[in-house]
Amino acid sequence: MRALLFNLIVISLSALSGYTADKPNILFIVADDLSAEALGVYGNSLVKTPYIDRLAREGVTFERAYCQYPVCGASRASFMSGLYPETTGFLGNNYTLGSYRAMSPVHSDHPSIGGFLRRNGYVSARVSKIYHMGVPGGIEAGESGGDDPDSWDLAFNVWAPETGSVGEFRNLSPARSHWGSAFVKITVPDDLSVTQADEITATQAISILETRTLHRNETNRMKPGAPIFLGIGLVRPHVPLVAPKRYMDMYDPADIELPWYPENDFDDVPKLNQNKGNSTQYKMNEAQAKESLAAYYASVTYMDAQVGRILDAVDRLGIAENTHIVFISDHGWLLGEHGSWQKPSLFEPACRVPLIIRSPGYKKNAGKKITALTEFVDLYPTFAEFAGLEDTVPEAVQGRSLVPLLHDPSGRDWESKPAYSVMGNKRAVQRSIRTERYRYSRYTTGEEELYDHDNDPEEFTNQAGNPEYASTLRTLRNQMEEIQAKANR
C-alpha cells in the first residue's frame, strides 16, 4: 500500500510538472551585443560575471565559436533557421515579418528551430528579443520587431523605457546622435531597476517556468506534459548602456585600460573594415572611451545578474536534471580593439561569440573548455539532438550538432572546418573565414585581409600581400569559394 501511494504521488507530481522524462527542456538565453572579451570565463579579470562564470563551471565553454553575421537581425535569423545569411537572403537588420521566409522564397517552408520543436511535441515560447527588434525604439513601444510567429506557441514582448529611463543621462560619443549606436550611458536609481528590460524579461521567463512546473493542471490546454523550448532575450549590453547605480559604481573609469594597437594599425586594412573607427565614427576622447567601457561592463554585470536569477529558478524548481541551458550573444563586439567600437566588422572580436552549454548528461565534462571551431548554424541540429530528433533535422540545415563535443571536449573526433561570417547586402557581400590558424577576409573591392593567429593573434599585420603566404592565400580562397557556393544554394 505504501509503495502504491508513493507511485501515485510520483505520477501526480509528474503530471503537475508538465515535463516528460524522455524529452528535456531547452532554455536558450541570448544576450545582445556581448563581447566574449567582456566575460570572466573568457579571461577578463576586471568585469564581474559570477553567474555566467558559474554556468561555465557547470557546463562547457566554447572558446572559438563564431556568428554568421556581426549584426543582430541577420545573425538571429541565421541561428534560428540553421542557414547561412546568404541562404536566407537576410543580410542586415530587416524588420520584415516572418524574417528569413520573406527574404528567401526557396526556403519558405523551412521551419525555424522553434517551429521544428513545436511540430515535434514541444511548447515553444519566447520572452523579449530573439529575432531582431529595435533597441532602443521597438522595445520602447513593446513591438515584436522582425519576429517569426511560426516559431512560438507563446510570445511575450517587453515594454521598457530604455532612453526614456529615469536617471542620469550622458552621451559619451560626440559624433553619434543616434541613440541606438551612440555610447549613451544611463544610470538608473537602484529602486527603479525593476522597470528595466532585462529584469522584466527574467521575471517573465521565471514565471513561465514556475507555471509549467508548479501550476500544471488538466485545464491548461497548452500541450499538457510537453517539454518547453524557451527563448530568453536579454538586451544588455546593447546601447544605451543602462544599469542601476550600484552596478555603475562597480567600475571606476580610472581603472579601465583601453586595448593597445599600433598607431598605424589601419595602414594595411581595407576601408570596408575600418567602418567603426573611433577617429571617424565616435570621436571619443580617452576619458569618454574609458567611461563608455566602464558603463559597458556595468551593463554586462547587470545582465549577468538576470542570468543568475534564471539559473536559481531552474535549481529551485527542480528541473535542472532535465533542462539544457544554452547561453550565447547574437554576435561579438569591438571594445576599442584597432581603435574601433561596436559592429559590424570582420575583425576577430566582432565575429567570435560567447557560447556556453550546460547539459545534464555531460556533467563529467563540467568546466571544460572547447577549442574546436564552431558556428552558430550548429545550434539548430544541436537543439534537435537534445530533443532526440537528430534523424529528422530538415535537410536544408547547414550546421552540425555540437553534441559530439559535449561528449568529448578535446575534439579528437571533430572534423574541423572553417567558420564563415559575412557583412554587407545582396549587392555587396563581404566575406570572412576563420580556420585553425588564419582569418581570411575578402571584400567586393577585391581587397583582402590575411591574419596569422599563431604569430599575430591581435590581427595587427595583414599578410595578404606577403609572398611568403601566397600558397596559404590560395588555399583559403578555395575554402571560402566552397563555403560561398554552399551558402548561395
Protein backbone atom coordinates (compact mmCIF):
# COMPACT_ATOMS: atom_id res chain seq x y z
CA MET A 1 0.00 0.00 0.00
CA ARG A 2 2.83 2.38 0.85
CA ALA A 3 4.54 1.60 -2.47
CA LEU A 4 1.28 2.21 -4.33
CA LEU A 5 0.82 5.54 -2.56
CA PHE A 6 4.40 6.51 -3.42
CA ASN A 7 3.83 5.66 -7.09
CA LEU A 8 0.62 7.70 -7.15
CA ILE A 9 2.47 10.68 -5.68
CA VAL A 10 5.23 10.39 -8.29
CA ILE A 11 2.67 10.16 -11.09
CA SER A 12 0.79 13.17 -9.73
CA LEU A 13 3.94 15.26 -9.42
CA SER A 14 4.90 14.30 -12.96
CA ALA A 15 1.53 15.44 -14.24
CA LEU A 16 1.80 18.68 -12.31
CA SER A 17 5.28 19.38 -13.58
CA GLY A 18 4.38 19.24 -17.25
CA TYR A 19 7.66 17.55 -18.11
CA THR A 20 8.24 14.13 -19.61
CA ALA A 21 11.25 12.01 -18.79
CA ASP A 22 12.25 11.36 -22.38
CA LYS A 23 12.13 14.94 -23.68
CA PRO A 24 14.28 17.54 -21.93
CA ASN A 25 13.57 21.24 -21.71
CA ILE A 26 15.80 23.66 -23.60
CA LEU A 27 16.47 27.17 -22.27
CA PHE A 28 18.09 29.40 -24.87
CA ILE A 29 19.44 32.63 -23.34
CA VAL A 30 20.54 35.23 -25.90
CA ALA A 31 22.43 38.35 -24.81
CA ASP A 32 22.72 41.33 -27.14
CA ASP A 33 26.00 42.85 -28.40
CA LEU A 34 28.05 40.96 -25.82
CA SER A 35 31.76 40.58 -26.50
CA ALA A 36 33.38 37.37 -25.31
CA GLU A 37 36.20 39.65 -24.18
CA ALA A 38 33.87 41.08 -21.51
CA LEU A 39 33.30 37.85 -19.59
CA GLY A 40 35.32 36.40 -16.75
CA VAL A 41 35.26 32.89 -18.19
CA TYR A 42 36.85 34.23 -21.40
CA GLY A 43 39.70 35.83 -19.49
CA ASN A 44 38.52 39.28 -18.41
CA SER A 45 39.79 39.76 -14.86
CA LEU A 46 38.07 43.11 -14.28
CA VAL A 47 34.47 42.53 -15.28
CA LYS A 48 32.25 40.78 -12.75
CA THR A 49 30.15 37.97 -14.28
CA PRO A 50 29.71 35.47 -11.43
CA TYR A 51 26.60 33.76 -12.79
CA ILE A 52 27.76 33.27 -16.37
CA ASP A 53 31.06 32.05 -14.91
CA ARG A 54 29.06 29.66 -12.74
CA LEU A 55 27.21 28.39 -15.81
CA ALA A 56 30.59 27.78 -17.43
CA ARG A 57 31.85 25.85 -14.39
CA GLU A 58 28.76 23.66 -14.53
CA GLY A 59 28.82 23.29 -18.30
CA VAL A 60 31.28 23.63 -21.16
CA THR A 61 32.64 26.79 -22.76
CA PHE A 62 33.25 27.06 -26.49
CA GLU A 63 36.30 29.27 -26.91
CA ARG A 64 36.18 29.53 -30.70
CA ALA A 65 32.54 29.86 -31.67
CA TYR A 66 31.64 32.30 -34.45
CA CYS A 67 28.50 34.09 -35.61
CA GLN A 68 27.49 34.17 -39.26
CA TYR A 69 26.95 37.95 -39.43
CA PRO A 70 28.10 40.55 -36.85
CA VAL A 71 24.73 42.37 -36.76
CA CYS A 72 21.62 41.44 -34.77
CA GLY A 73 18.96 40.76 -37.40
CA ALA A 74 20.97 38.68 -39.84
CA SER A 75 22.71 36.70 -37.11
CA ARG A 76 19.48 35.86 -35.31
CA ALA A 77 17.67 34.82 -38.48
CA SER A 78 20.67 32.63 -39.28
CA PHE A 79 20.99 30.77 -35.98
CA MET A 80 17.23 30.34 -35.63
CA SER A 81 16.99 28.87 -39.13
CA GLY A 82 20.28 26.96 -39.15
CA LEU A 83 21.04 28.61 -42.50
CA TYR A 84 23.80 30.96 -43.62
CA PRO A 85 22.71 34.58 -44.18
CA GLU A 86 23.29 34.33 -47.92
CA THR A 87 20.97 31.32 -47.96
CA THR A 88 18.19 33.11 -46.10
CA GLY A 89 18.77 36.33 -48.05
CA PHE A 90 18.52 38.11 -44.70
CA LEU A 91 21.52 40.44 -44.71
CA GLY A 92 21.39 43.27 -42.18
CA ASN A 93 18.66 44.40 -39.80
CA ASN A 94 15.39 43.82 -41.63
CA TYR A 95 12.02 44.12 -39.92
CA THR A 96 10.03 42.08 -42.43
CA LEU A 97 7.55 39.91 -40.50
CA GLY A 98 8.47 36.27 -40.84
CA SER A 99 12.19 37.07 -41.01
CA TYR A 100 14.05 34.82 -43.43
CA ARG A 101 10.92 33.34 -45.02
CA ALA A 102 10.02 36.67 -46.55
CA MET A 103 13.57 37.05 -47.84
CA SER A 104 14.08 33.54 -49.22
CA PRO A 105 11.04 32.01 -51.00
CA VAL A 106 13.09 28.88 -51.73
CA HIS A 107 13.05 28.16 -48.00
CA SER A 108 9.54 29.44 -47.27
CA ASP A 109 8.51 26.09 -45.75
CA HIS A 110 11.70 25.63 -43.73
CA PRO A 111 10.87 25.81 -40.00
CA SER A 112 12.96 27.70 -37.50
CA ILE A 113 14.27 25.67 -34.60
CA GLY A 114 11.28 26.89 -32.57
CA GLY A 115 8.87 25.82 -35.30
CA PHE A 116 10.65 22.49 -35.70
CA LEU A 117 10.38 21.72 -31.98
CA ARG A 118 6.73 22.85 -31.93
CA ARG A 119 5.99 20.33 -34.65
CA ASN A 120 7.59 17.64 -32.54
CA GLY A 121 5.79 17.95 -29.24
CA TYR A 122 7.43 20.93 -27.56
CA VAL A 123 5.84 24.07 -26.22
CA SER A 124 7.89 26.83 -27.83
CA ALA A 125 7.94 30.24 -26.17
CA ARG A 126 9.98 33.38 -26.20
CA VAL A 127 10.38 36.37 -23.95
CA SER A 128 11.68 39.61 -25.49
CA LYS A 129 14.28 39.78 -28.27
CA ILE A 130 15.10 36.51 -30.04
CA TYR A 131 14.61 37.73 -33.60
CA HIS A 132 15.54 41.34 -34.28
CA MET A 133 13.75 44.24 -32.64
CA GLY A 134 14.82 47.83 -32.15
CA VAL A 135 16.89 48.55 -29.04
CA PRO A 136 16.10 51.32 -28.33
CA GLY A 137 12.97 52.05 -30.37
CA GLY A 138 10.89 48.92 -30.83
CA ILE A 139 11.34 47.72 -27.30
CA GLU A 140 10.23 51.12 -26.01
CA ALA A 141 6.94 50.55 -27.85
CA GLY A 142 6.59 46.90 -26.86
CA GLU A 143 6.83 45.79 -30.51
CA SER A 144 7.68 42.33 -31.80
CA GLY A 145 10.09 43.61 -34.47
CA GLY A 146 11.10 41.05 -37.09
CA ASP A 147 9.64 38.12 -35.20
CA ASP A 148 8.62 34.82 -36.79
CA PRO A 149 5.21 33.85 -35.35
CA ASP A 150 5.56 30.26 -36.55
CA SER A 151 8.43 29.81 -34.08
CA TRP A 152 6.28 30.15 -30.96
CA ASP A 153 3.24 28.89 -29.15
CA LEU A 154 3.62 31.86 -26.82
CA ALA A 155 5.48 35.13 -27.34
CA PHE A 156 5.93 37.89 -24.77
CA ASN A 157 7.17 41.31 -25.84
CA VAL A 158 8.83 43.51 -23.24
CA TRP A 159 7.83 47.16 -22.99
CA ALA A 160 10.69 49.04 -21.35
CA PRO A 161 11.79 52.70 -21.14
CA GLU A 162 15.39 52.40 -22.45
CA THR A 163 16.33 56.00 -23.43
CA GLY A 164 13.28 57.22 -21.52
CA SER A 165 14.58 55.72 -18.28
CA VAL A 166 14.62 57.87 -15.18
CA GLY A 167 18.24 58.53 -14.27
CA GLU A 168 21.45 60.33 -15.20
CA PHE A 169 21.85 60.51 -19.00
CA ARG A 170 25.18 61.02 -20.77
CA ASN A 171 26.11 60.69 -24.45
CA LEU A 172 29.82 59.87 -24.40
CA SER A 173 30.28 59.72 -28.19
CA PRO A 174 30.17 63.29 -29.59
CA ALA A 175 29.96 62.27 -33.26
CA ARG A 176 26.94 59.99 -32.76
CA SER A 177 23.42 61.33 -32.38
CA HIS A 178 21.50 58.06 -32.95
CA TRP A 179 20.96 56.60 -29.50
CA GLY A 180 20.88 53.05 -30.85
CA SER A 181 24.51 53.32 -31.89
CA ALA A 182 25.89 56.07 -29.66
CA PHE A 183 27.59 55.38 -26.34
CA VAL A 184 24.69 56.62 -24.25
CA LYS A 185 25.12 55.90 -20.53
CA ILE A 186 22.05 55.93 -18.31
CA THR A 187 22.46 55.43 -14.58
CA VAL A 188 19.14 54.32 -13.11
CA PRO A 189 18.31 54.69 -9.40
CA ASP A 190 18.55 51.30 -7.72
CA ASP A 191 14.92 51.32 -6.63
CA LEU A 192 13.81 51.64 -10.29
CA SER A 193 15.79 48.70 -11.61
CA VAL A 194 12.59 46.65 -11.91
CA THR A 195 11.49 48.92 -14.76
CA GLN A 196 14.37 47.76 -16.97
CA ALA A 197 14.01 45.36 -19.88
CA ASP A 198 16.19 42.53 -18.66
CA GLU A 199 14.69 42.40 -15.17
CA ILE A 200 11.23 42.29 -16.72
CA THR A 201 12.39 39.57 -19.12
CA ALA A 202 13.93 37.41 -16.40
CA THR A 203 10.82 37.79 -14.22
CA GLN A 204 8.54 36.72 -17.10
CA ALA A 205 10.79 33.77 -18.01
CA ILE A 206 10.83 32.59 -14.40
CA SER A 207 7.04 32.95 -14.26
CA ILE A 208 6.70 30.70 -17.33
CA LEU A 209 8.94 28.06 -15.76
CA GLU A 210 7.01 28.27 -12.49
CA THR A 211 3.67 28.00 -14.28
CA ARG A 212 4.71 24.92 -16.22
CA THR A 213 6.37 23.36 -13.21
CA LEU A 214 4.16 24.22 -10.24
CA HIS A 215 0.71 25.02 -11.58
CA ARG A 216 0.11 22.40 -14.26
CA ASN A 217 -3.47 21.05 -14.20
CA GLU A 218 -5.84 19.44 -16.64
CA THR A 219 -7.49 22.75 -17.53
CA ASN A 220 -4.23 24.07 -19.00
CA ARG A 221 -4.59 23.21 -22.68
CA MET A 222 -1.07 24.19 -23.80
CA LYS A 223 0.29 20.72 -24.60
CA PRO A 224 -0.03 19.22 -21.11
CA GLY A 225 3.06 17.21 -20.26
CA ALA A 226 5.09 18.72 -23.09
CA PRO A 227 8.66 19.88 -22.56
CA ILE A 228 9.43 23.52 -23.24
CA PHE A 229 11.78 25.34 -25.58
CA LEU A 230 12.12 28.79 -24.03
CA GLY A 231 13.99 31.60 -25.78
CA ILE A 232 15.00 34.34 -23.34
CA GLY A 233 16.24 37.54 -24.98
CA LEU A 234 18.35 39.82 -22.78
CA VAL A 235 19.06 43.17 -24.44
CA ARG A 236 22.07 44.30 -22.43
CA PRO A 237 24.81 45.28 -23.02
CA HIS A 238 23.32 46.75 -26.24
CA VAL A 239 23.40 50.54 -26.13
CA PRO A 240 22.02 52.55 -24.45
CA LEU A 241 24.21 51.34 -21.61
CA VAL A 242 21.57 51.21 -18.91
CA ALA A 243 22.26 49.87 -15.43
CA PRO A 244 21.26 50.63 -11.85
CA LYS A 245 23.64 52.86 -9.94
CA ARG A 246 25.04 50.03 -7.80
CA TYR A 247 26.34 48.36 -10.97
CA MET A 248 27.75 51.57 -12.45
CA ASP A 249 29.56 52.16 -9.15
CA MET A 250 31.39 48.84 -9.51
CA TYR A 251 33.53 50.22 -12.33
CA ASP A 252 35.73 53.29 -11.98
CA PRO A 253 36.75 54.59 -15.42
CA ALA A 254 40.18 55.34 -13.93
CA ASP A 255 40.71 51.59 -13.54
CA ILE A 256 39.88 50.85 -17.18
CA GLU A 257 42.65 50.04 -19.64
CA LEU A 258 41.81 50.54 -23.29
CA PRO A 259 43.16 47.98 -25.78
CA TRP A 260 46.55 48.83 -27.24
CA TYR A 261 47.02 48.94 -31.01
CA PRO A 262 49.78 50.27 -33.28
CA GLU A 263 49.48 53.90 -34.32
CA ASN A 264 49.47 52.92 -38.00
CA ASP A 265 47.20 49.91 -37.49
CA PHE A 266 44.80 50.82 -40.32
CA ASP A 267 47.51 51.35 -42.94
CA ASP A 268 47.07 47.83 -44.30
CA VAL A 269 43.32 47.38 -43.55
CA PRO A 270 40.71 47.68 -46.33
CA LYS A 271 38.48 50.70 -45.82
CA LEU A 272 35.39 48.48 -45.64
CA ASN A 273 36.77 47.05 -42.40
CA GLN A 274 37.54 50.48 -40.95
CA ASN A 275 33.88 51.44 -40.62
CA LYS A 276 33.81 51.51 -36.83
CA GLY A 277 36.93 53.55 -36.12
CA ASN A 278 36.65 55.91 -33.17
CA SER A 279 38.53 58.65 -35.01
CA THR A 280 35.79 58.92 -37.64
CA GLN A 281 32.63 57.39 -36.15
CA TYR A 282 32.52 58.28 -32.46
CA LYS A 283 35.30 60.77 -31.73
CA MET A 284 35.51 59.87 -28.06
CA ASN A 285 38.46 61.22 -26.15
CA GLU A 286 40.33 58.86 -23.83
CA ALA A 287 38.22 59.76 -20.80
CA GLN A 288 34.98 59.21 -22.72
CA ALA A 289 36.21 55.91 -24.11
CA LYS A 290 37.13 54.67 -20.63
CA GLU A 291 33.79 55.77 -19.20
CA SER A 292 32.00 54.03 -22.10
CA LEU A 293 33.85 50.81 -21.43
CA ALA A 294 33.13 51.06 -17.70
CA ALA A 295 29.42 51.56 -18.46
CA TYR A 296 29.51 48.60 -20.85
CA TYR A 297 30.97 46.42 -18.10
CA ALA A 298 28.27 47.63 -15.70
CA SER A 299 25.60 46.65 -18.22
CA VAL A 300 27.22 43.23 -18.61
CA THR A 301 27.23 42.67 -14.84
CA TYR A 302 23.59 43.77 -14.64
CA MET A 303 22.67 41.33 -17.42
CA ASP A 304 24.68 38.62 -15.66
CA ALA A 305 22.57 39.10 -12.52
CA GLN A 306 19.45 38.28 -14.54
CA VAL A 307 21.10 35.10 -15.82
CA GLY A 308 21.71 34.27 -12.16
CA ARG A 309 18.03 34.70 -11.34
CA ILE A 310 17.11 32.29 -14.13
CA LEU A 311 19.69 29.70 -13.04
CA ASP A 312 18.48 29.93 -9.45
CA ALA A 313 14.89 29.39 -10.60
CA VAL A 314 15.84 26.28 -12.59
CA ASP A 315 17.52 24.85 -9.49
CA ARG A 316 14.73 25.90 -7.14
CA LEU A 317 12.07 24.31 -9.35
CA GLY A 318 13.95 21.03 -9.50
CA ILE A 319 14.20 20.86 -13.28
CA ALA A 320 17.97 21.17 -13.70
CA GLU A 321 18.36 17.42 -14.31
CA ASN A 322 16.07 17.61 -17.32
CA THR A 323 17.00 21.00 -18.75
CA HIS A 324 19.66 22.03 -21.25
CA ILE A 325 20.77 25.66 -20.89
CA VAL A 326 22.49 27.38 -23.80
CA PHE A 327 23.89 30.90 -23.41
CA ILE A 328 25.10 32.99 -26.35
CA SER A 329 25.38 36.55 -27.62
CA ASP A 330 23.98 37.28 -31.07
CA HIS A 331 27.46 38.36 -32.24
CA GLY A 332 30.70 39.78 -30.90
CA TRP A 333 31.65 43.41 -30.37
CA LEU A 334 34.67 45.65 -30.64
CA LEU A 335 35.64 47.34 -27.39
CA GLY A 336 38.40 49.60 -28.62
CA GLU A 337 40.46 46.96 -30.45
CA HIS A 338 42.08 48.58 -33.51
CA GLY A 339 40.67 51.86 -32.22
CA SER A 340 37.25 50.54 -33.26
CA TRP A 341 33.98 50.02 -31.46
CA GLN A 342 30.71 48.16 -31.81
CA LYS A 343 29.65 46.34 -35.02
CA PRO A 344 29.77 45.29 -37.84
CA SER A 345 33.36 44.32 -38.52
CA LEU A 346 35.27 41.30 -39.81
CA PHE A 347 37.91 41.55 -37.10
CA GLU A 348 38.01 38.59 -34.72
CA PRO A 349 36.33 40.24 -31.68
CA ALA A 350 33.23 41.08 -33.74
CA CYS A 351 32.82 37.58 -35.20
CA ARG A 352 33.84 35.49 -32.19
CA VAL A 353 30.99 34.91 -29.76
CA PRO A 354 30.33 33.57 -26.27
CA LEU A 355 28.79 30.09 -26.27
CA ILE A 356 28.26 28.13 -23.06
CA ILE A 357 26.20 24.95 -22.77
CA ARG A 358 25.12 23.22 -19.59
CA SER A 359 23.66 19.79 -20.33
CA PRO A 360 22.62 17.36 -17.60
CA GLY A 361 24.00 14.36 -19.47
CA TYR A 362 27.57 15.66 -19.61
CA LYS A 363 28.41 16.59 -16.02
CA LYS A 364 31.68 14.69 -16.23
CA ASN A 365 32.95 17.46 -18.52
CA ALA A 366 31.79 20.35 -16.34
CA GLY A 367 34.20 23.27 -16.51
CA LYS A 368 35.89 22.07 -19.69
CA LYS A 369 36.80 24.48 -22.49
CA ILE A 370 36.40 23.52 -26.12
CA THR A 371 38.81 24.98 -28.65
CA ALA A 372 37.33 23.36 -31.75
CA LEU A 373 35.97 25.76 -34.38
CA THR A 374 32.19 26.01 -34.24
CA GLU A 375 29.49 28.21 -35.77
CA PHE A 376 26.04 29.41 -34.81
CA VAL A 377 24.41 27.40 -37.63
CA ASP A 378 25.44 24.43 -35.45
CA LEU A 379 22.87 25.35 -32.79
CA TYR A 380 19.81 24.11 -34.71
CA PRO A 381 21.00 20.50 -35.07
CA THR A 382 22.34 20.61 -31.50
CA PHE A 383 18.91 21.51 -30.10
CA ALA A 384 17.35 18.84 -32.31
CA GLU A 385 19.69 16.21 -30.87
CA PHE A 386 18.94 17.37 -27.32
CA ALA A 387 15.30 16.60 -28.16
CA GLY A 388 16.14 13.20 -29.67
CA LEU A 389 15.17 14.47 -33.12
CA GLU A 390 18.56 14.33 -34.83
CA ASP A 391 17.27 11.96 -37.52
CA THR A 392 14.54 14.36 -38.61
CA VAL A 393 16.50 17.61 -38.91
CA PRO A 394 15.44 19.41 -42.12
CA GLU A 395 17.84 18.69 -44.96
CA ALA A 396 18.39 22.41 -45.61
CA VAL A 397 20.11 22.96 -42.23
CA GLN A 398 23.77 23.87 -42.83
CA GLY A 399 25.28 23.26 -39.40
CA ARG A 400 26.13 20.12 -37.49
CA SER A 401 25.36 19.07 -33.94
CA LEU A 402 27.75 20.10 -31.18
CA VAL A 403 26.78 17.11 -29.04
CA PRO A 404 29.95 15.16 -30.03
CA LEU A 405 31.98 17.98 -28.45
CA LEU A 406 29.92 17.73 -25.27
CA HIS A 407 30.82 14.03 -25.20
CA ASP A 408 34.50 14.73 -25.86
CA PRO A 409 35.57 18.37 -25.38
CA SER A 410 39.05 17.55 -26.72
CA GLY A 411 37.54 17.42 -30.21
CA ARG A 412 39.67 14.45 -31.23
CA ASP A 413 36.91 13.17 -33.49
CA TRP A 414 35.63 16.59 -34.55
CA GLU A 415 36.35 17.34 -38.19
CA SER A 416 37.49 20.94 -38.30
CA LYS A 417 36.02 23.22 -40.94
CA PRO A 418 36.32 26.99 -41.38
CA ALA A 419 33.82 29.24 -39.61
CA TYR A 420 32.11 31.59 -42.06
CA SER A 421 31.00 35.19 -41.39
CA VAL A 422 29.71 37.84 -43.77
CA MET A 423 28.74 41.53 -43.83
CA GLY A 424 27.03 43.78 -46.34
CA ASN A 425 23.95 43.28 -48.51
CA LYS A 426 22.96 41.25 -51.58
CA ARG A 427 24.74 43.66 -53.90
CA ALA A 428 27.96 43.77 -51.88
CA VAL A 429 28.72 40.85 -49.57
CA GLN A 430 32.00 40.97 -47.65
CA ARG A 431 33.15 37.51 -46.54
CA SER A 432 35.49 36.08 -43.91
CA ILE A 433 36.56 32.61 -42.84
CA ARG A 434 38.31 31.57 -39.64
CA THR A 435 40.45 28.44 -39.77
CA GLU A 436 42.54 26.83 -37.04
CA ARG A 437 45.35 29.28 -37.74
CA TYR A 438 44.15 32.04 -40.04
CA ARG A 439 41.48 34.66 -40.58
CA TYR A 440 40.98 35.46 -44.26
CA SER A 441 38.59 38.16 -45.47
CA ARG A 442 37.68 39.28 -48.97
CA TYR A 443 35.82 42.45 -49.95
CA THR A 444 33.82 43.45 -53.02
CA THR A 445 36.57 45.94 -53.83
CA GLY A 446 38.88 42.95 -54.41
CA GLU A 447 40.90 43.80 -51.29
CA GLU A 448 41.89 41.00 -48.94
CA GLU A 449 42.97 40.52 -45.35
CA LEU A 450 45.01 37.63 -44.01
CA TYR A 451 45.96 37.32 -40.37
CA ASP A 452 48.18 34.58 -38.95
CA HIS A 453 46.82 33.94 -35.45
CA ASP A 454 49.79 31.81 -34.46
CA ASN A 455 52.05 34.84 -34.80
CA ASP A 456 49.58 37.73 -34.68
CA PRO A 457 46.53 36.95 -32.50
CA GLU A 458 45.55 40.62 -32.31
CA GLU A 459 45.36 40.88 -36.13
CA PHE A 460 47.71 43.82 -36.47
CA THR A 461 49.56 42.75 -39.64
CA ASN A 462 47.71 41.99 -42.87
CA GLN A 463 49.73 39.30 -44.67
CA ALA A 464 47.62 39.26 -47.85
CA GLY A 465 50.37 40.99 -49.81
CA ASN A 466 53.22 38.95 -48.31
CA PRO A 467 54.70 36.49 -50.88
CA GLU A 468 55.55 34.09 -48.06
CA TYR A 469 51.81 33.49 -47.57
CA ALA A 470 50.95 33.08 -51.27
CA SER A 471 50.28 29.34 -51.00
CA THR A 472 48.21 29.79 -47.84
CA LEU A 473 46.22 32.52 -49.54
CA ARG A 474 45.36 30.26 -52.48
CA THR A 475 44.16 27.52 -50.12
CA LEU A 476 42.00 29.93 -48.14
CA ARG A 477 40.48 31.41 -51.30
CA ASN A 478 39.43 27.93 -52.39
CA GLN A 479 37.96 27.15 -48.99
CA MET A 480 35.96 30.38 -49.00
CA GLU A 481 34.63 29.71 -52.50
CA GLU A 482 33.44 26.25 -51.44
CA ILE A 483 31.52 27.65 -48.46
CA GLN A 484 30.20 30.55 -50.51
CA ALA A 485 28.82 28.12 -53.09
CA LYS A 486 27.06 26.18 -50.33
CA ALA A 487 25.68 29.36 -48.77
CA ASN A 488 24.30 30.60 -52.08
CA ARG A 489 22.43 27.43 -52.98
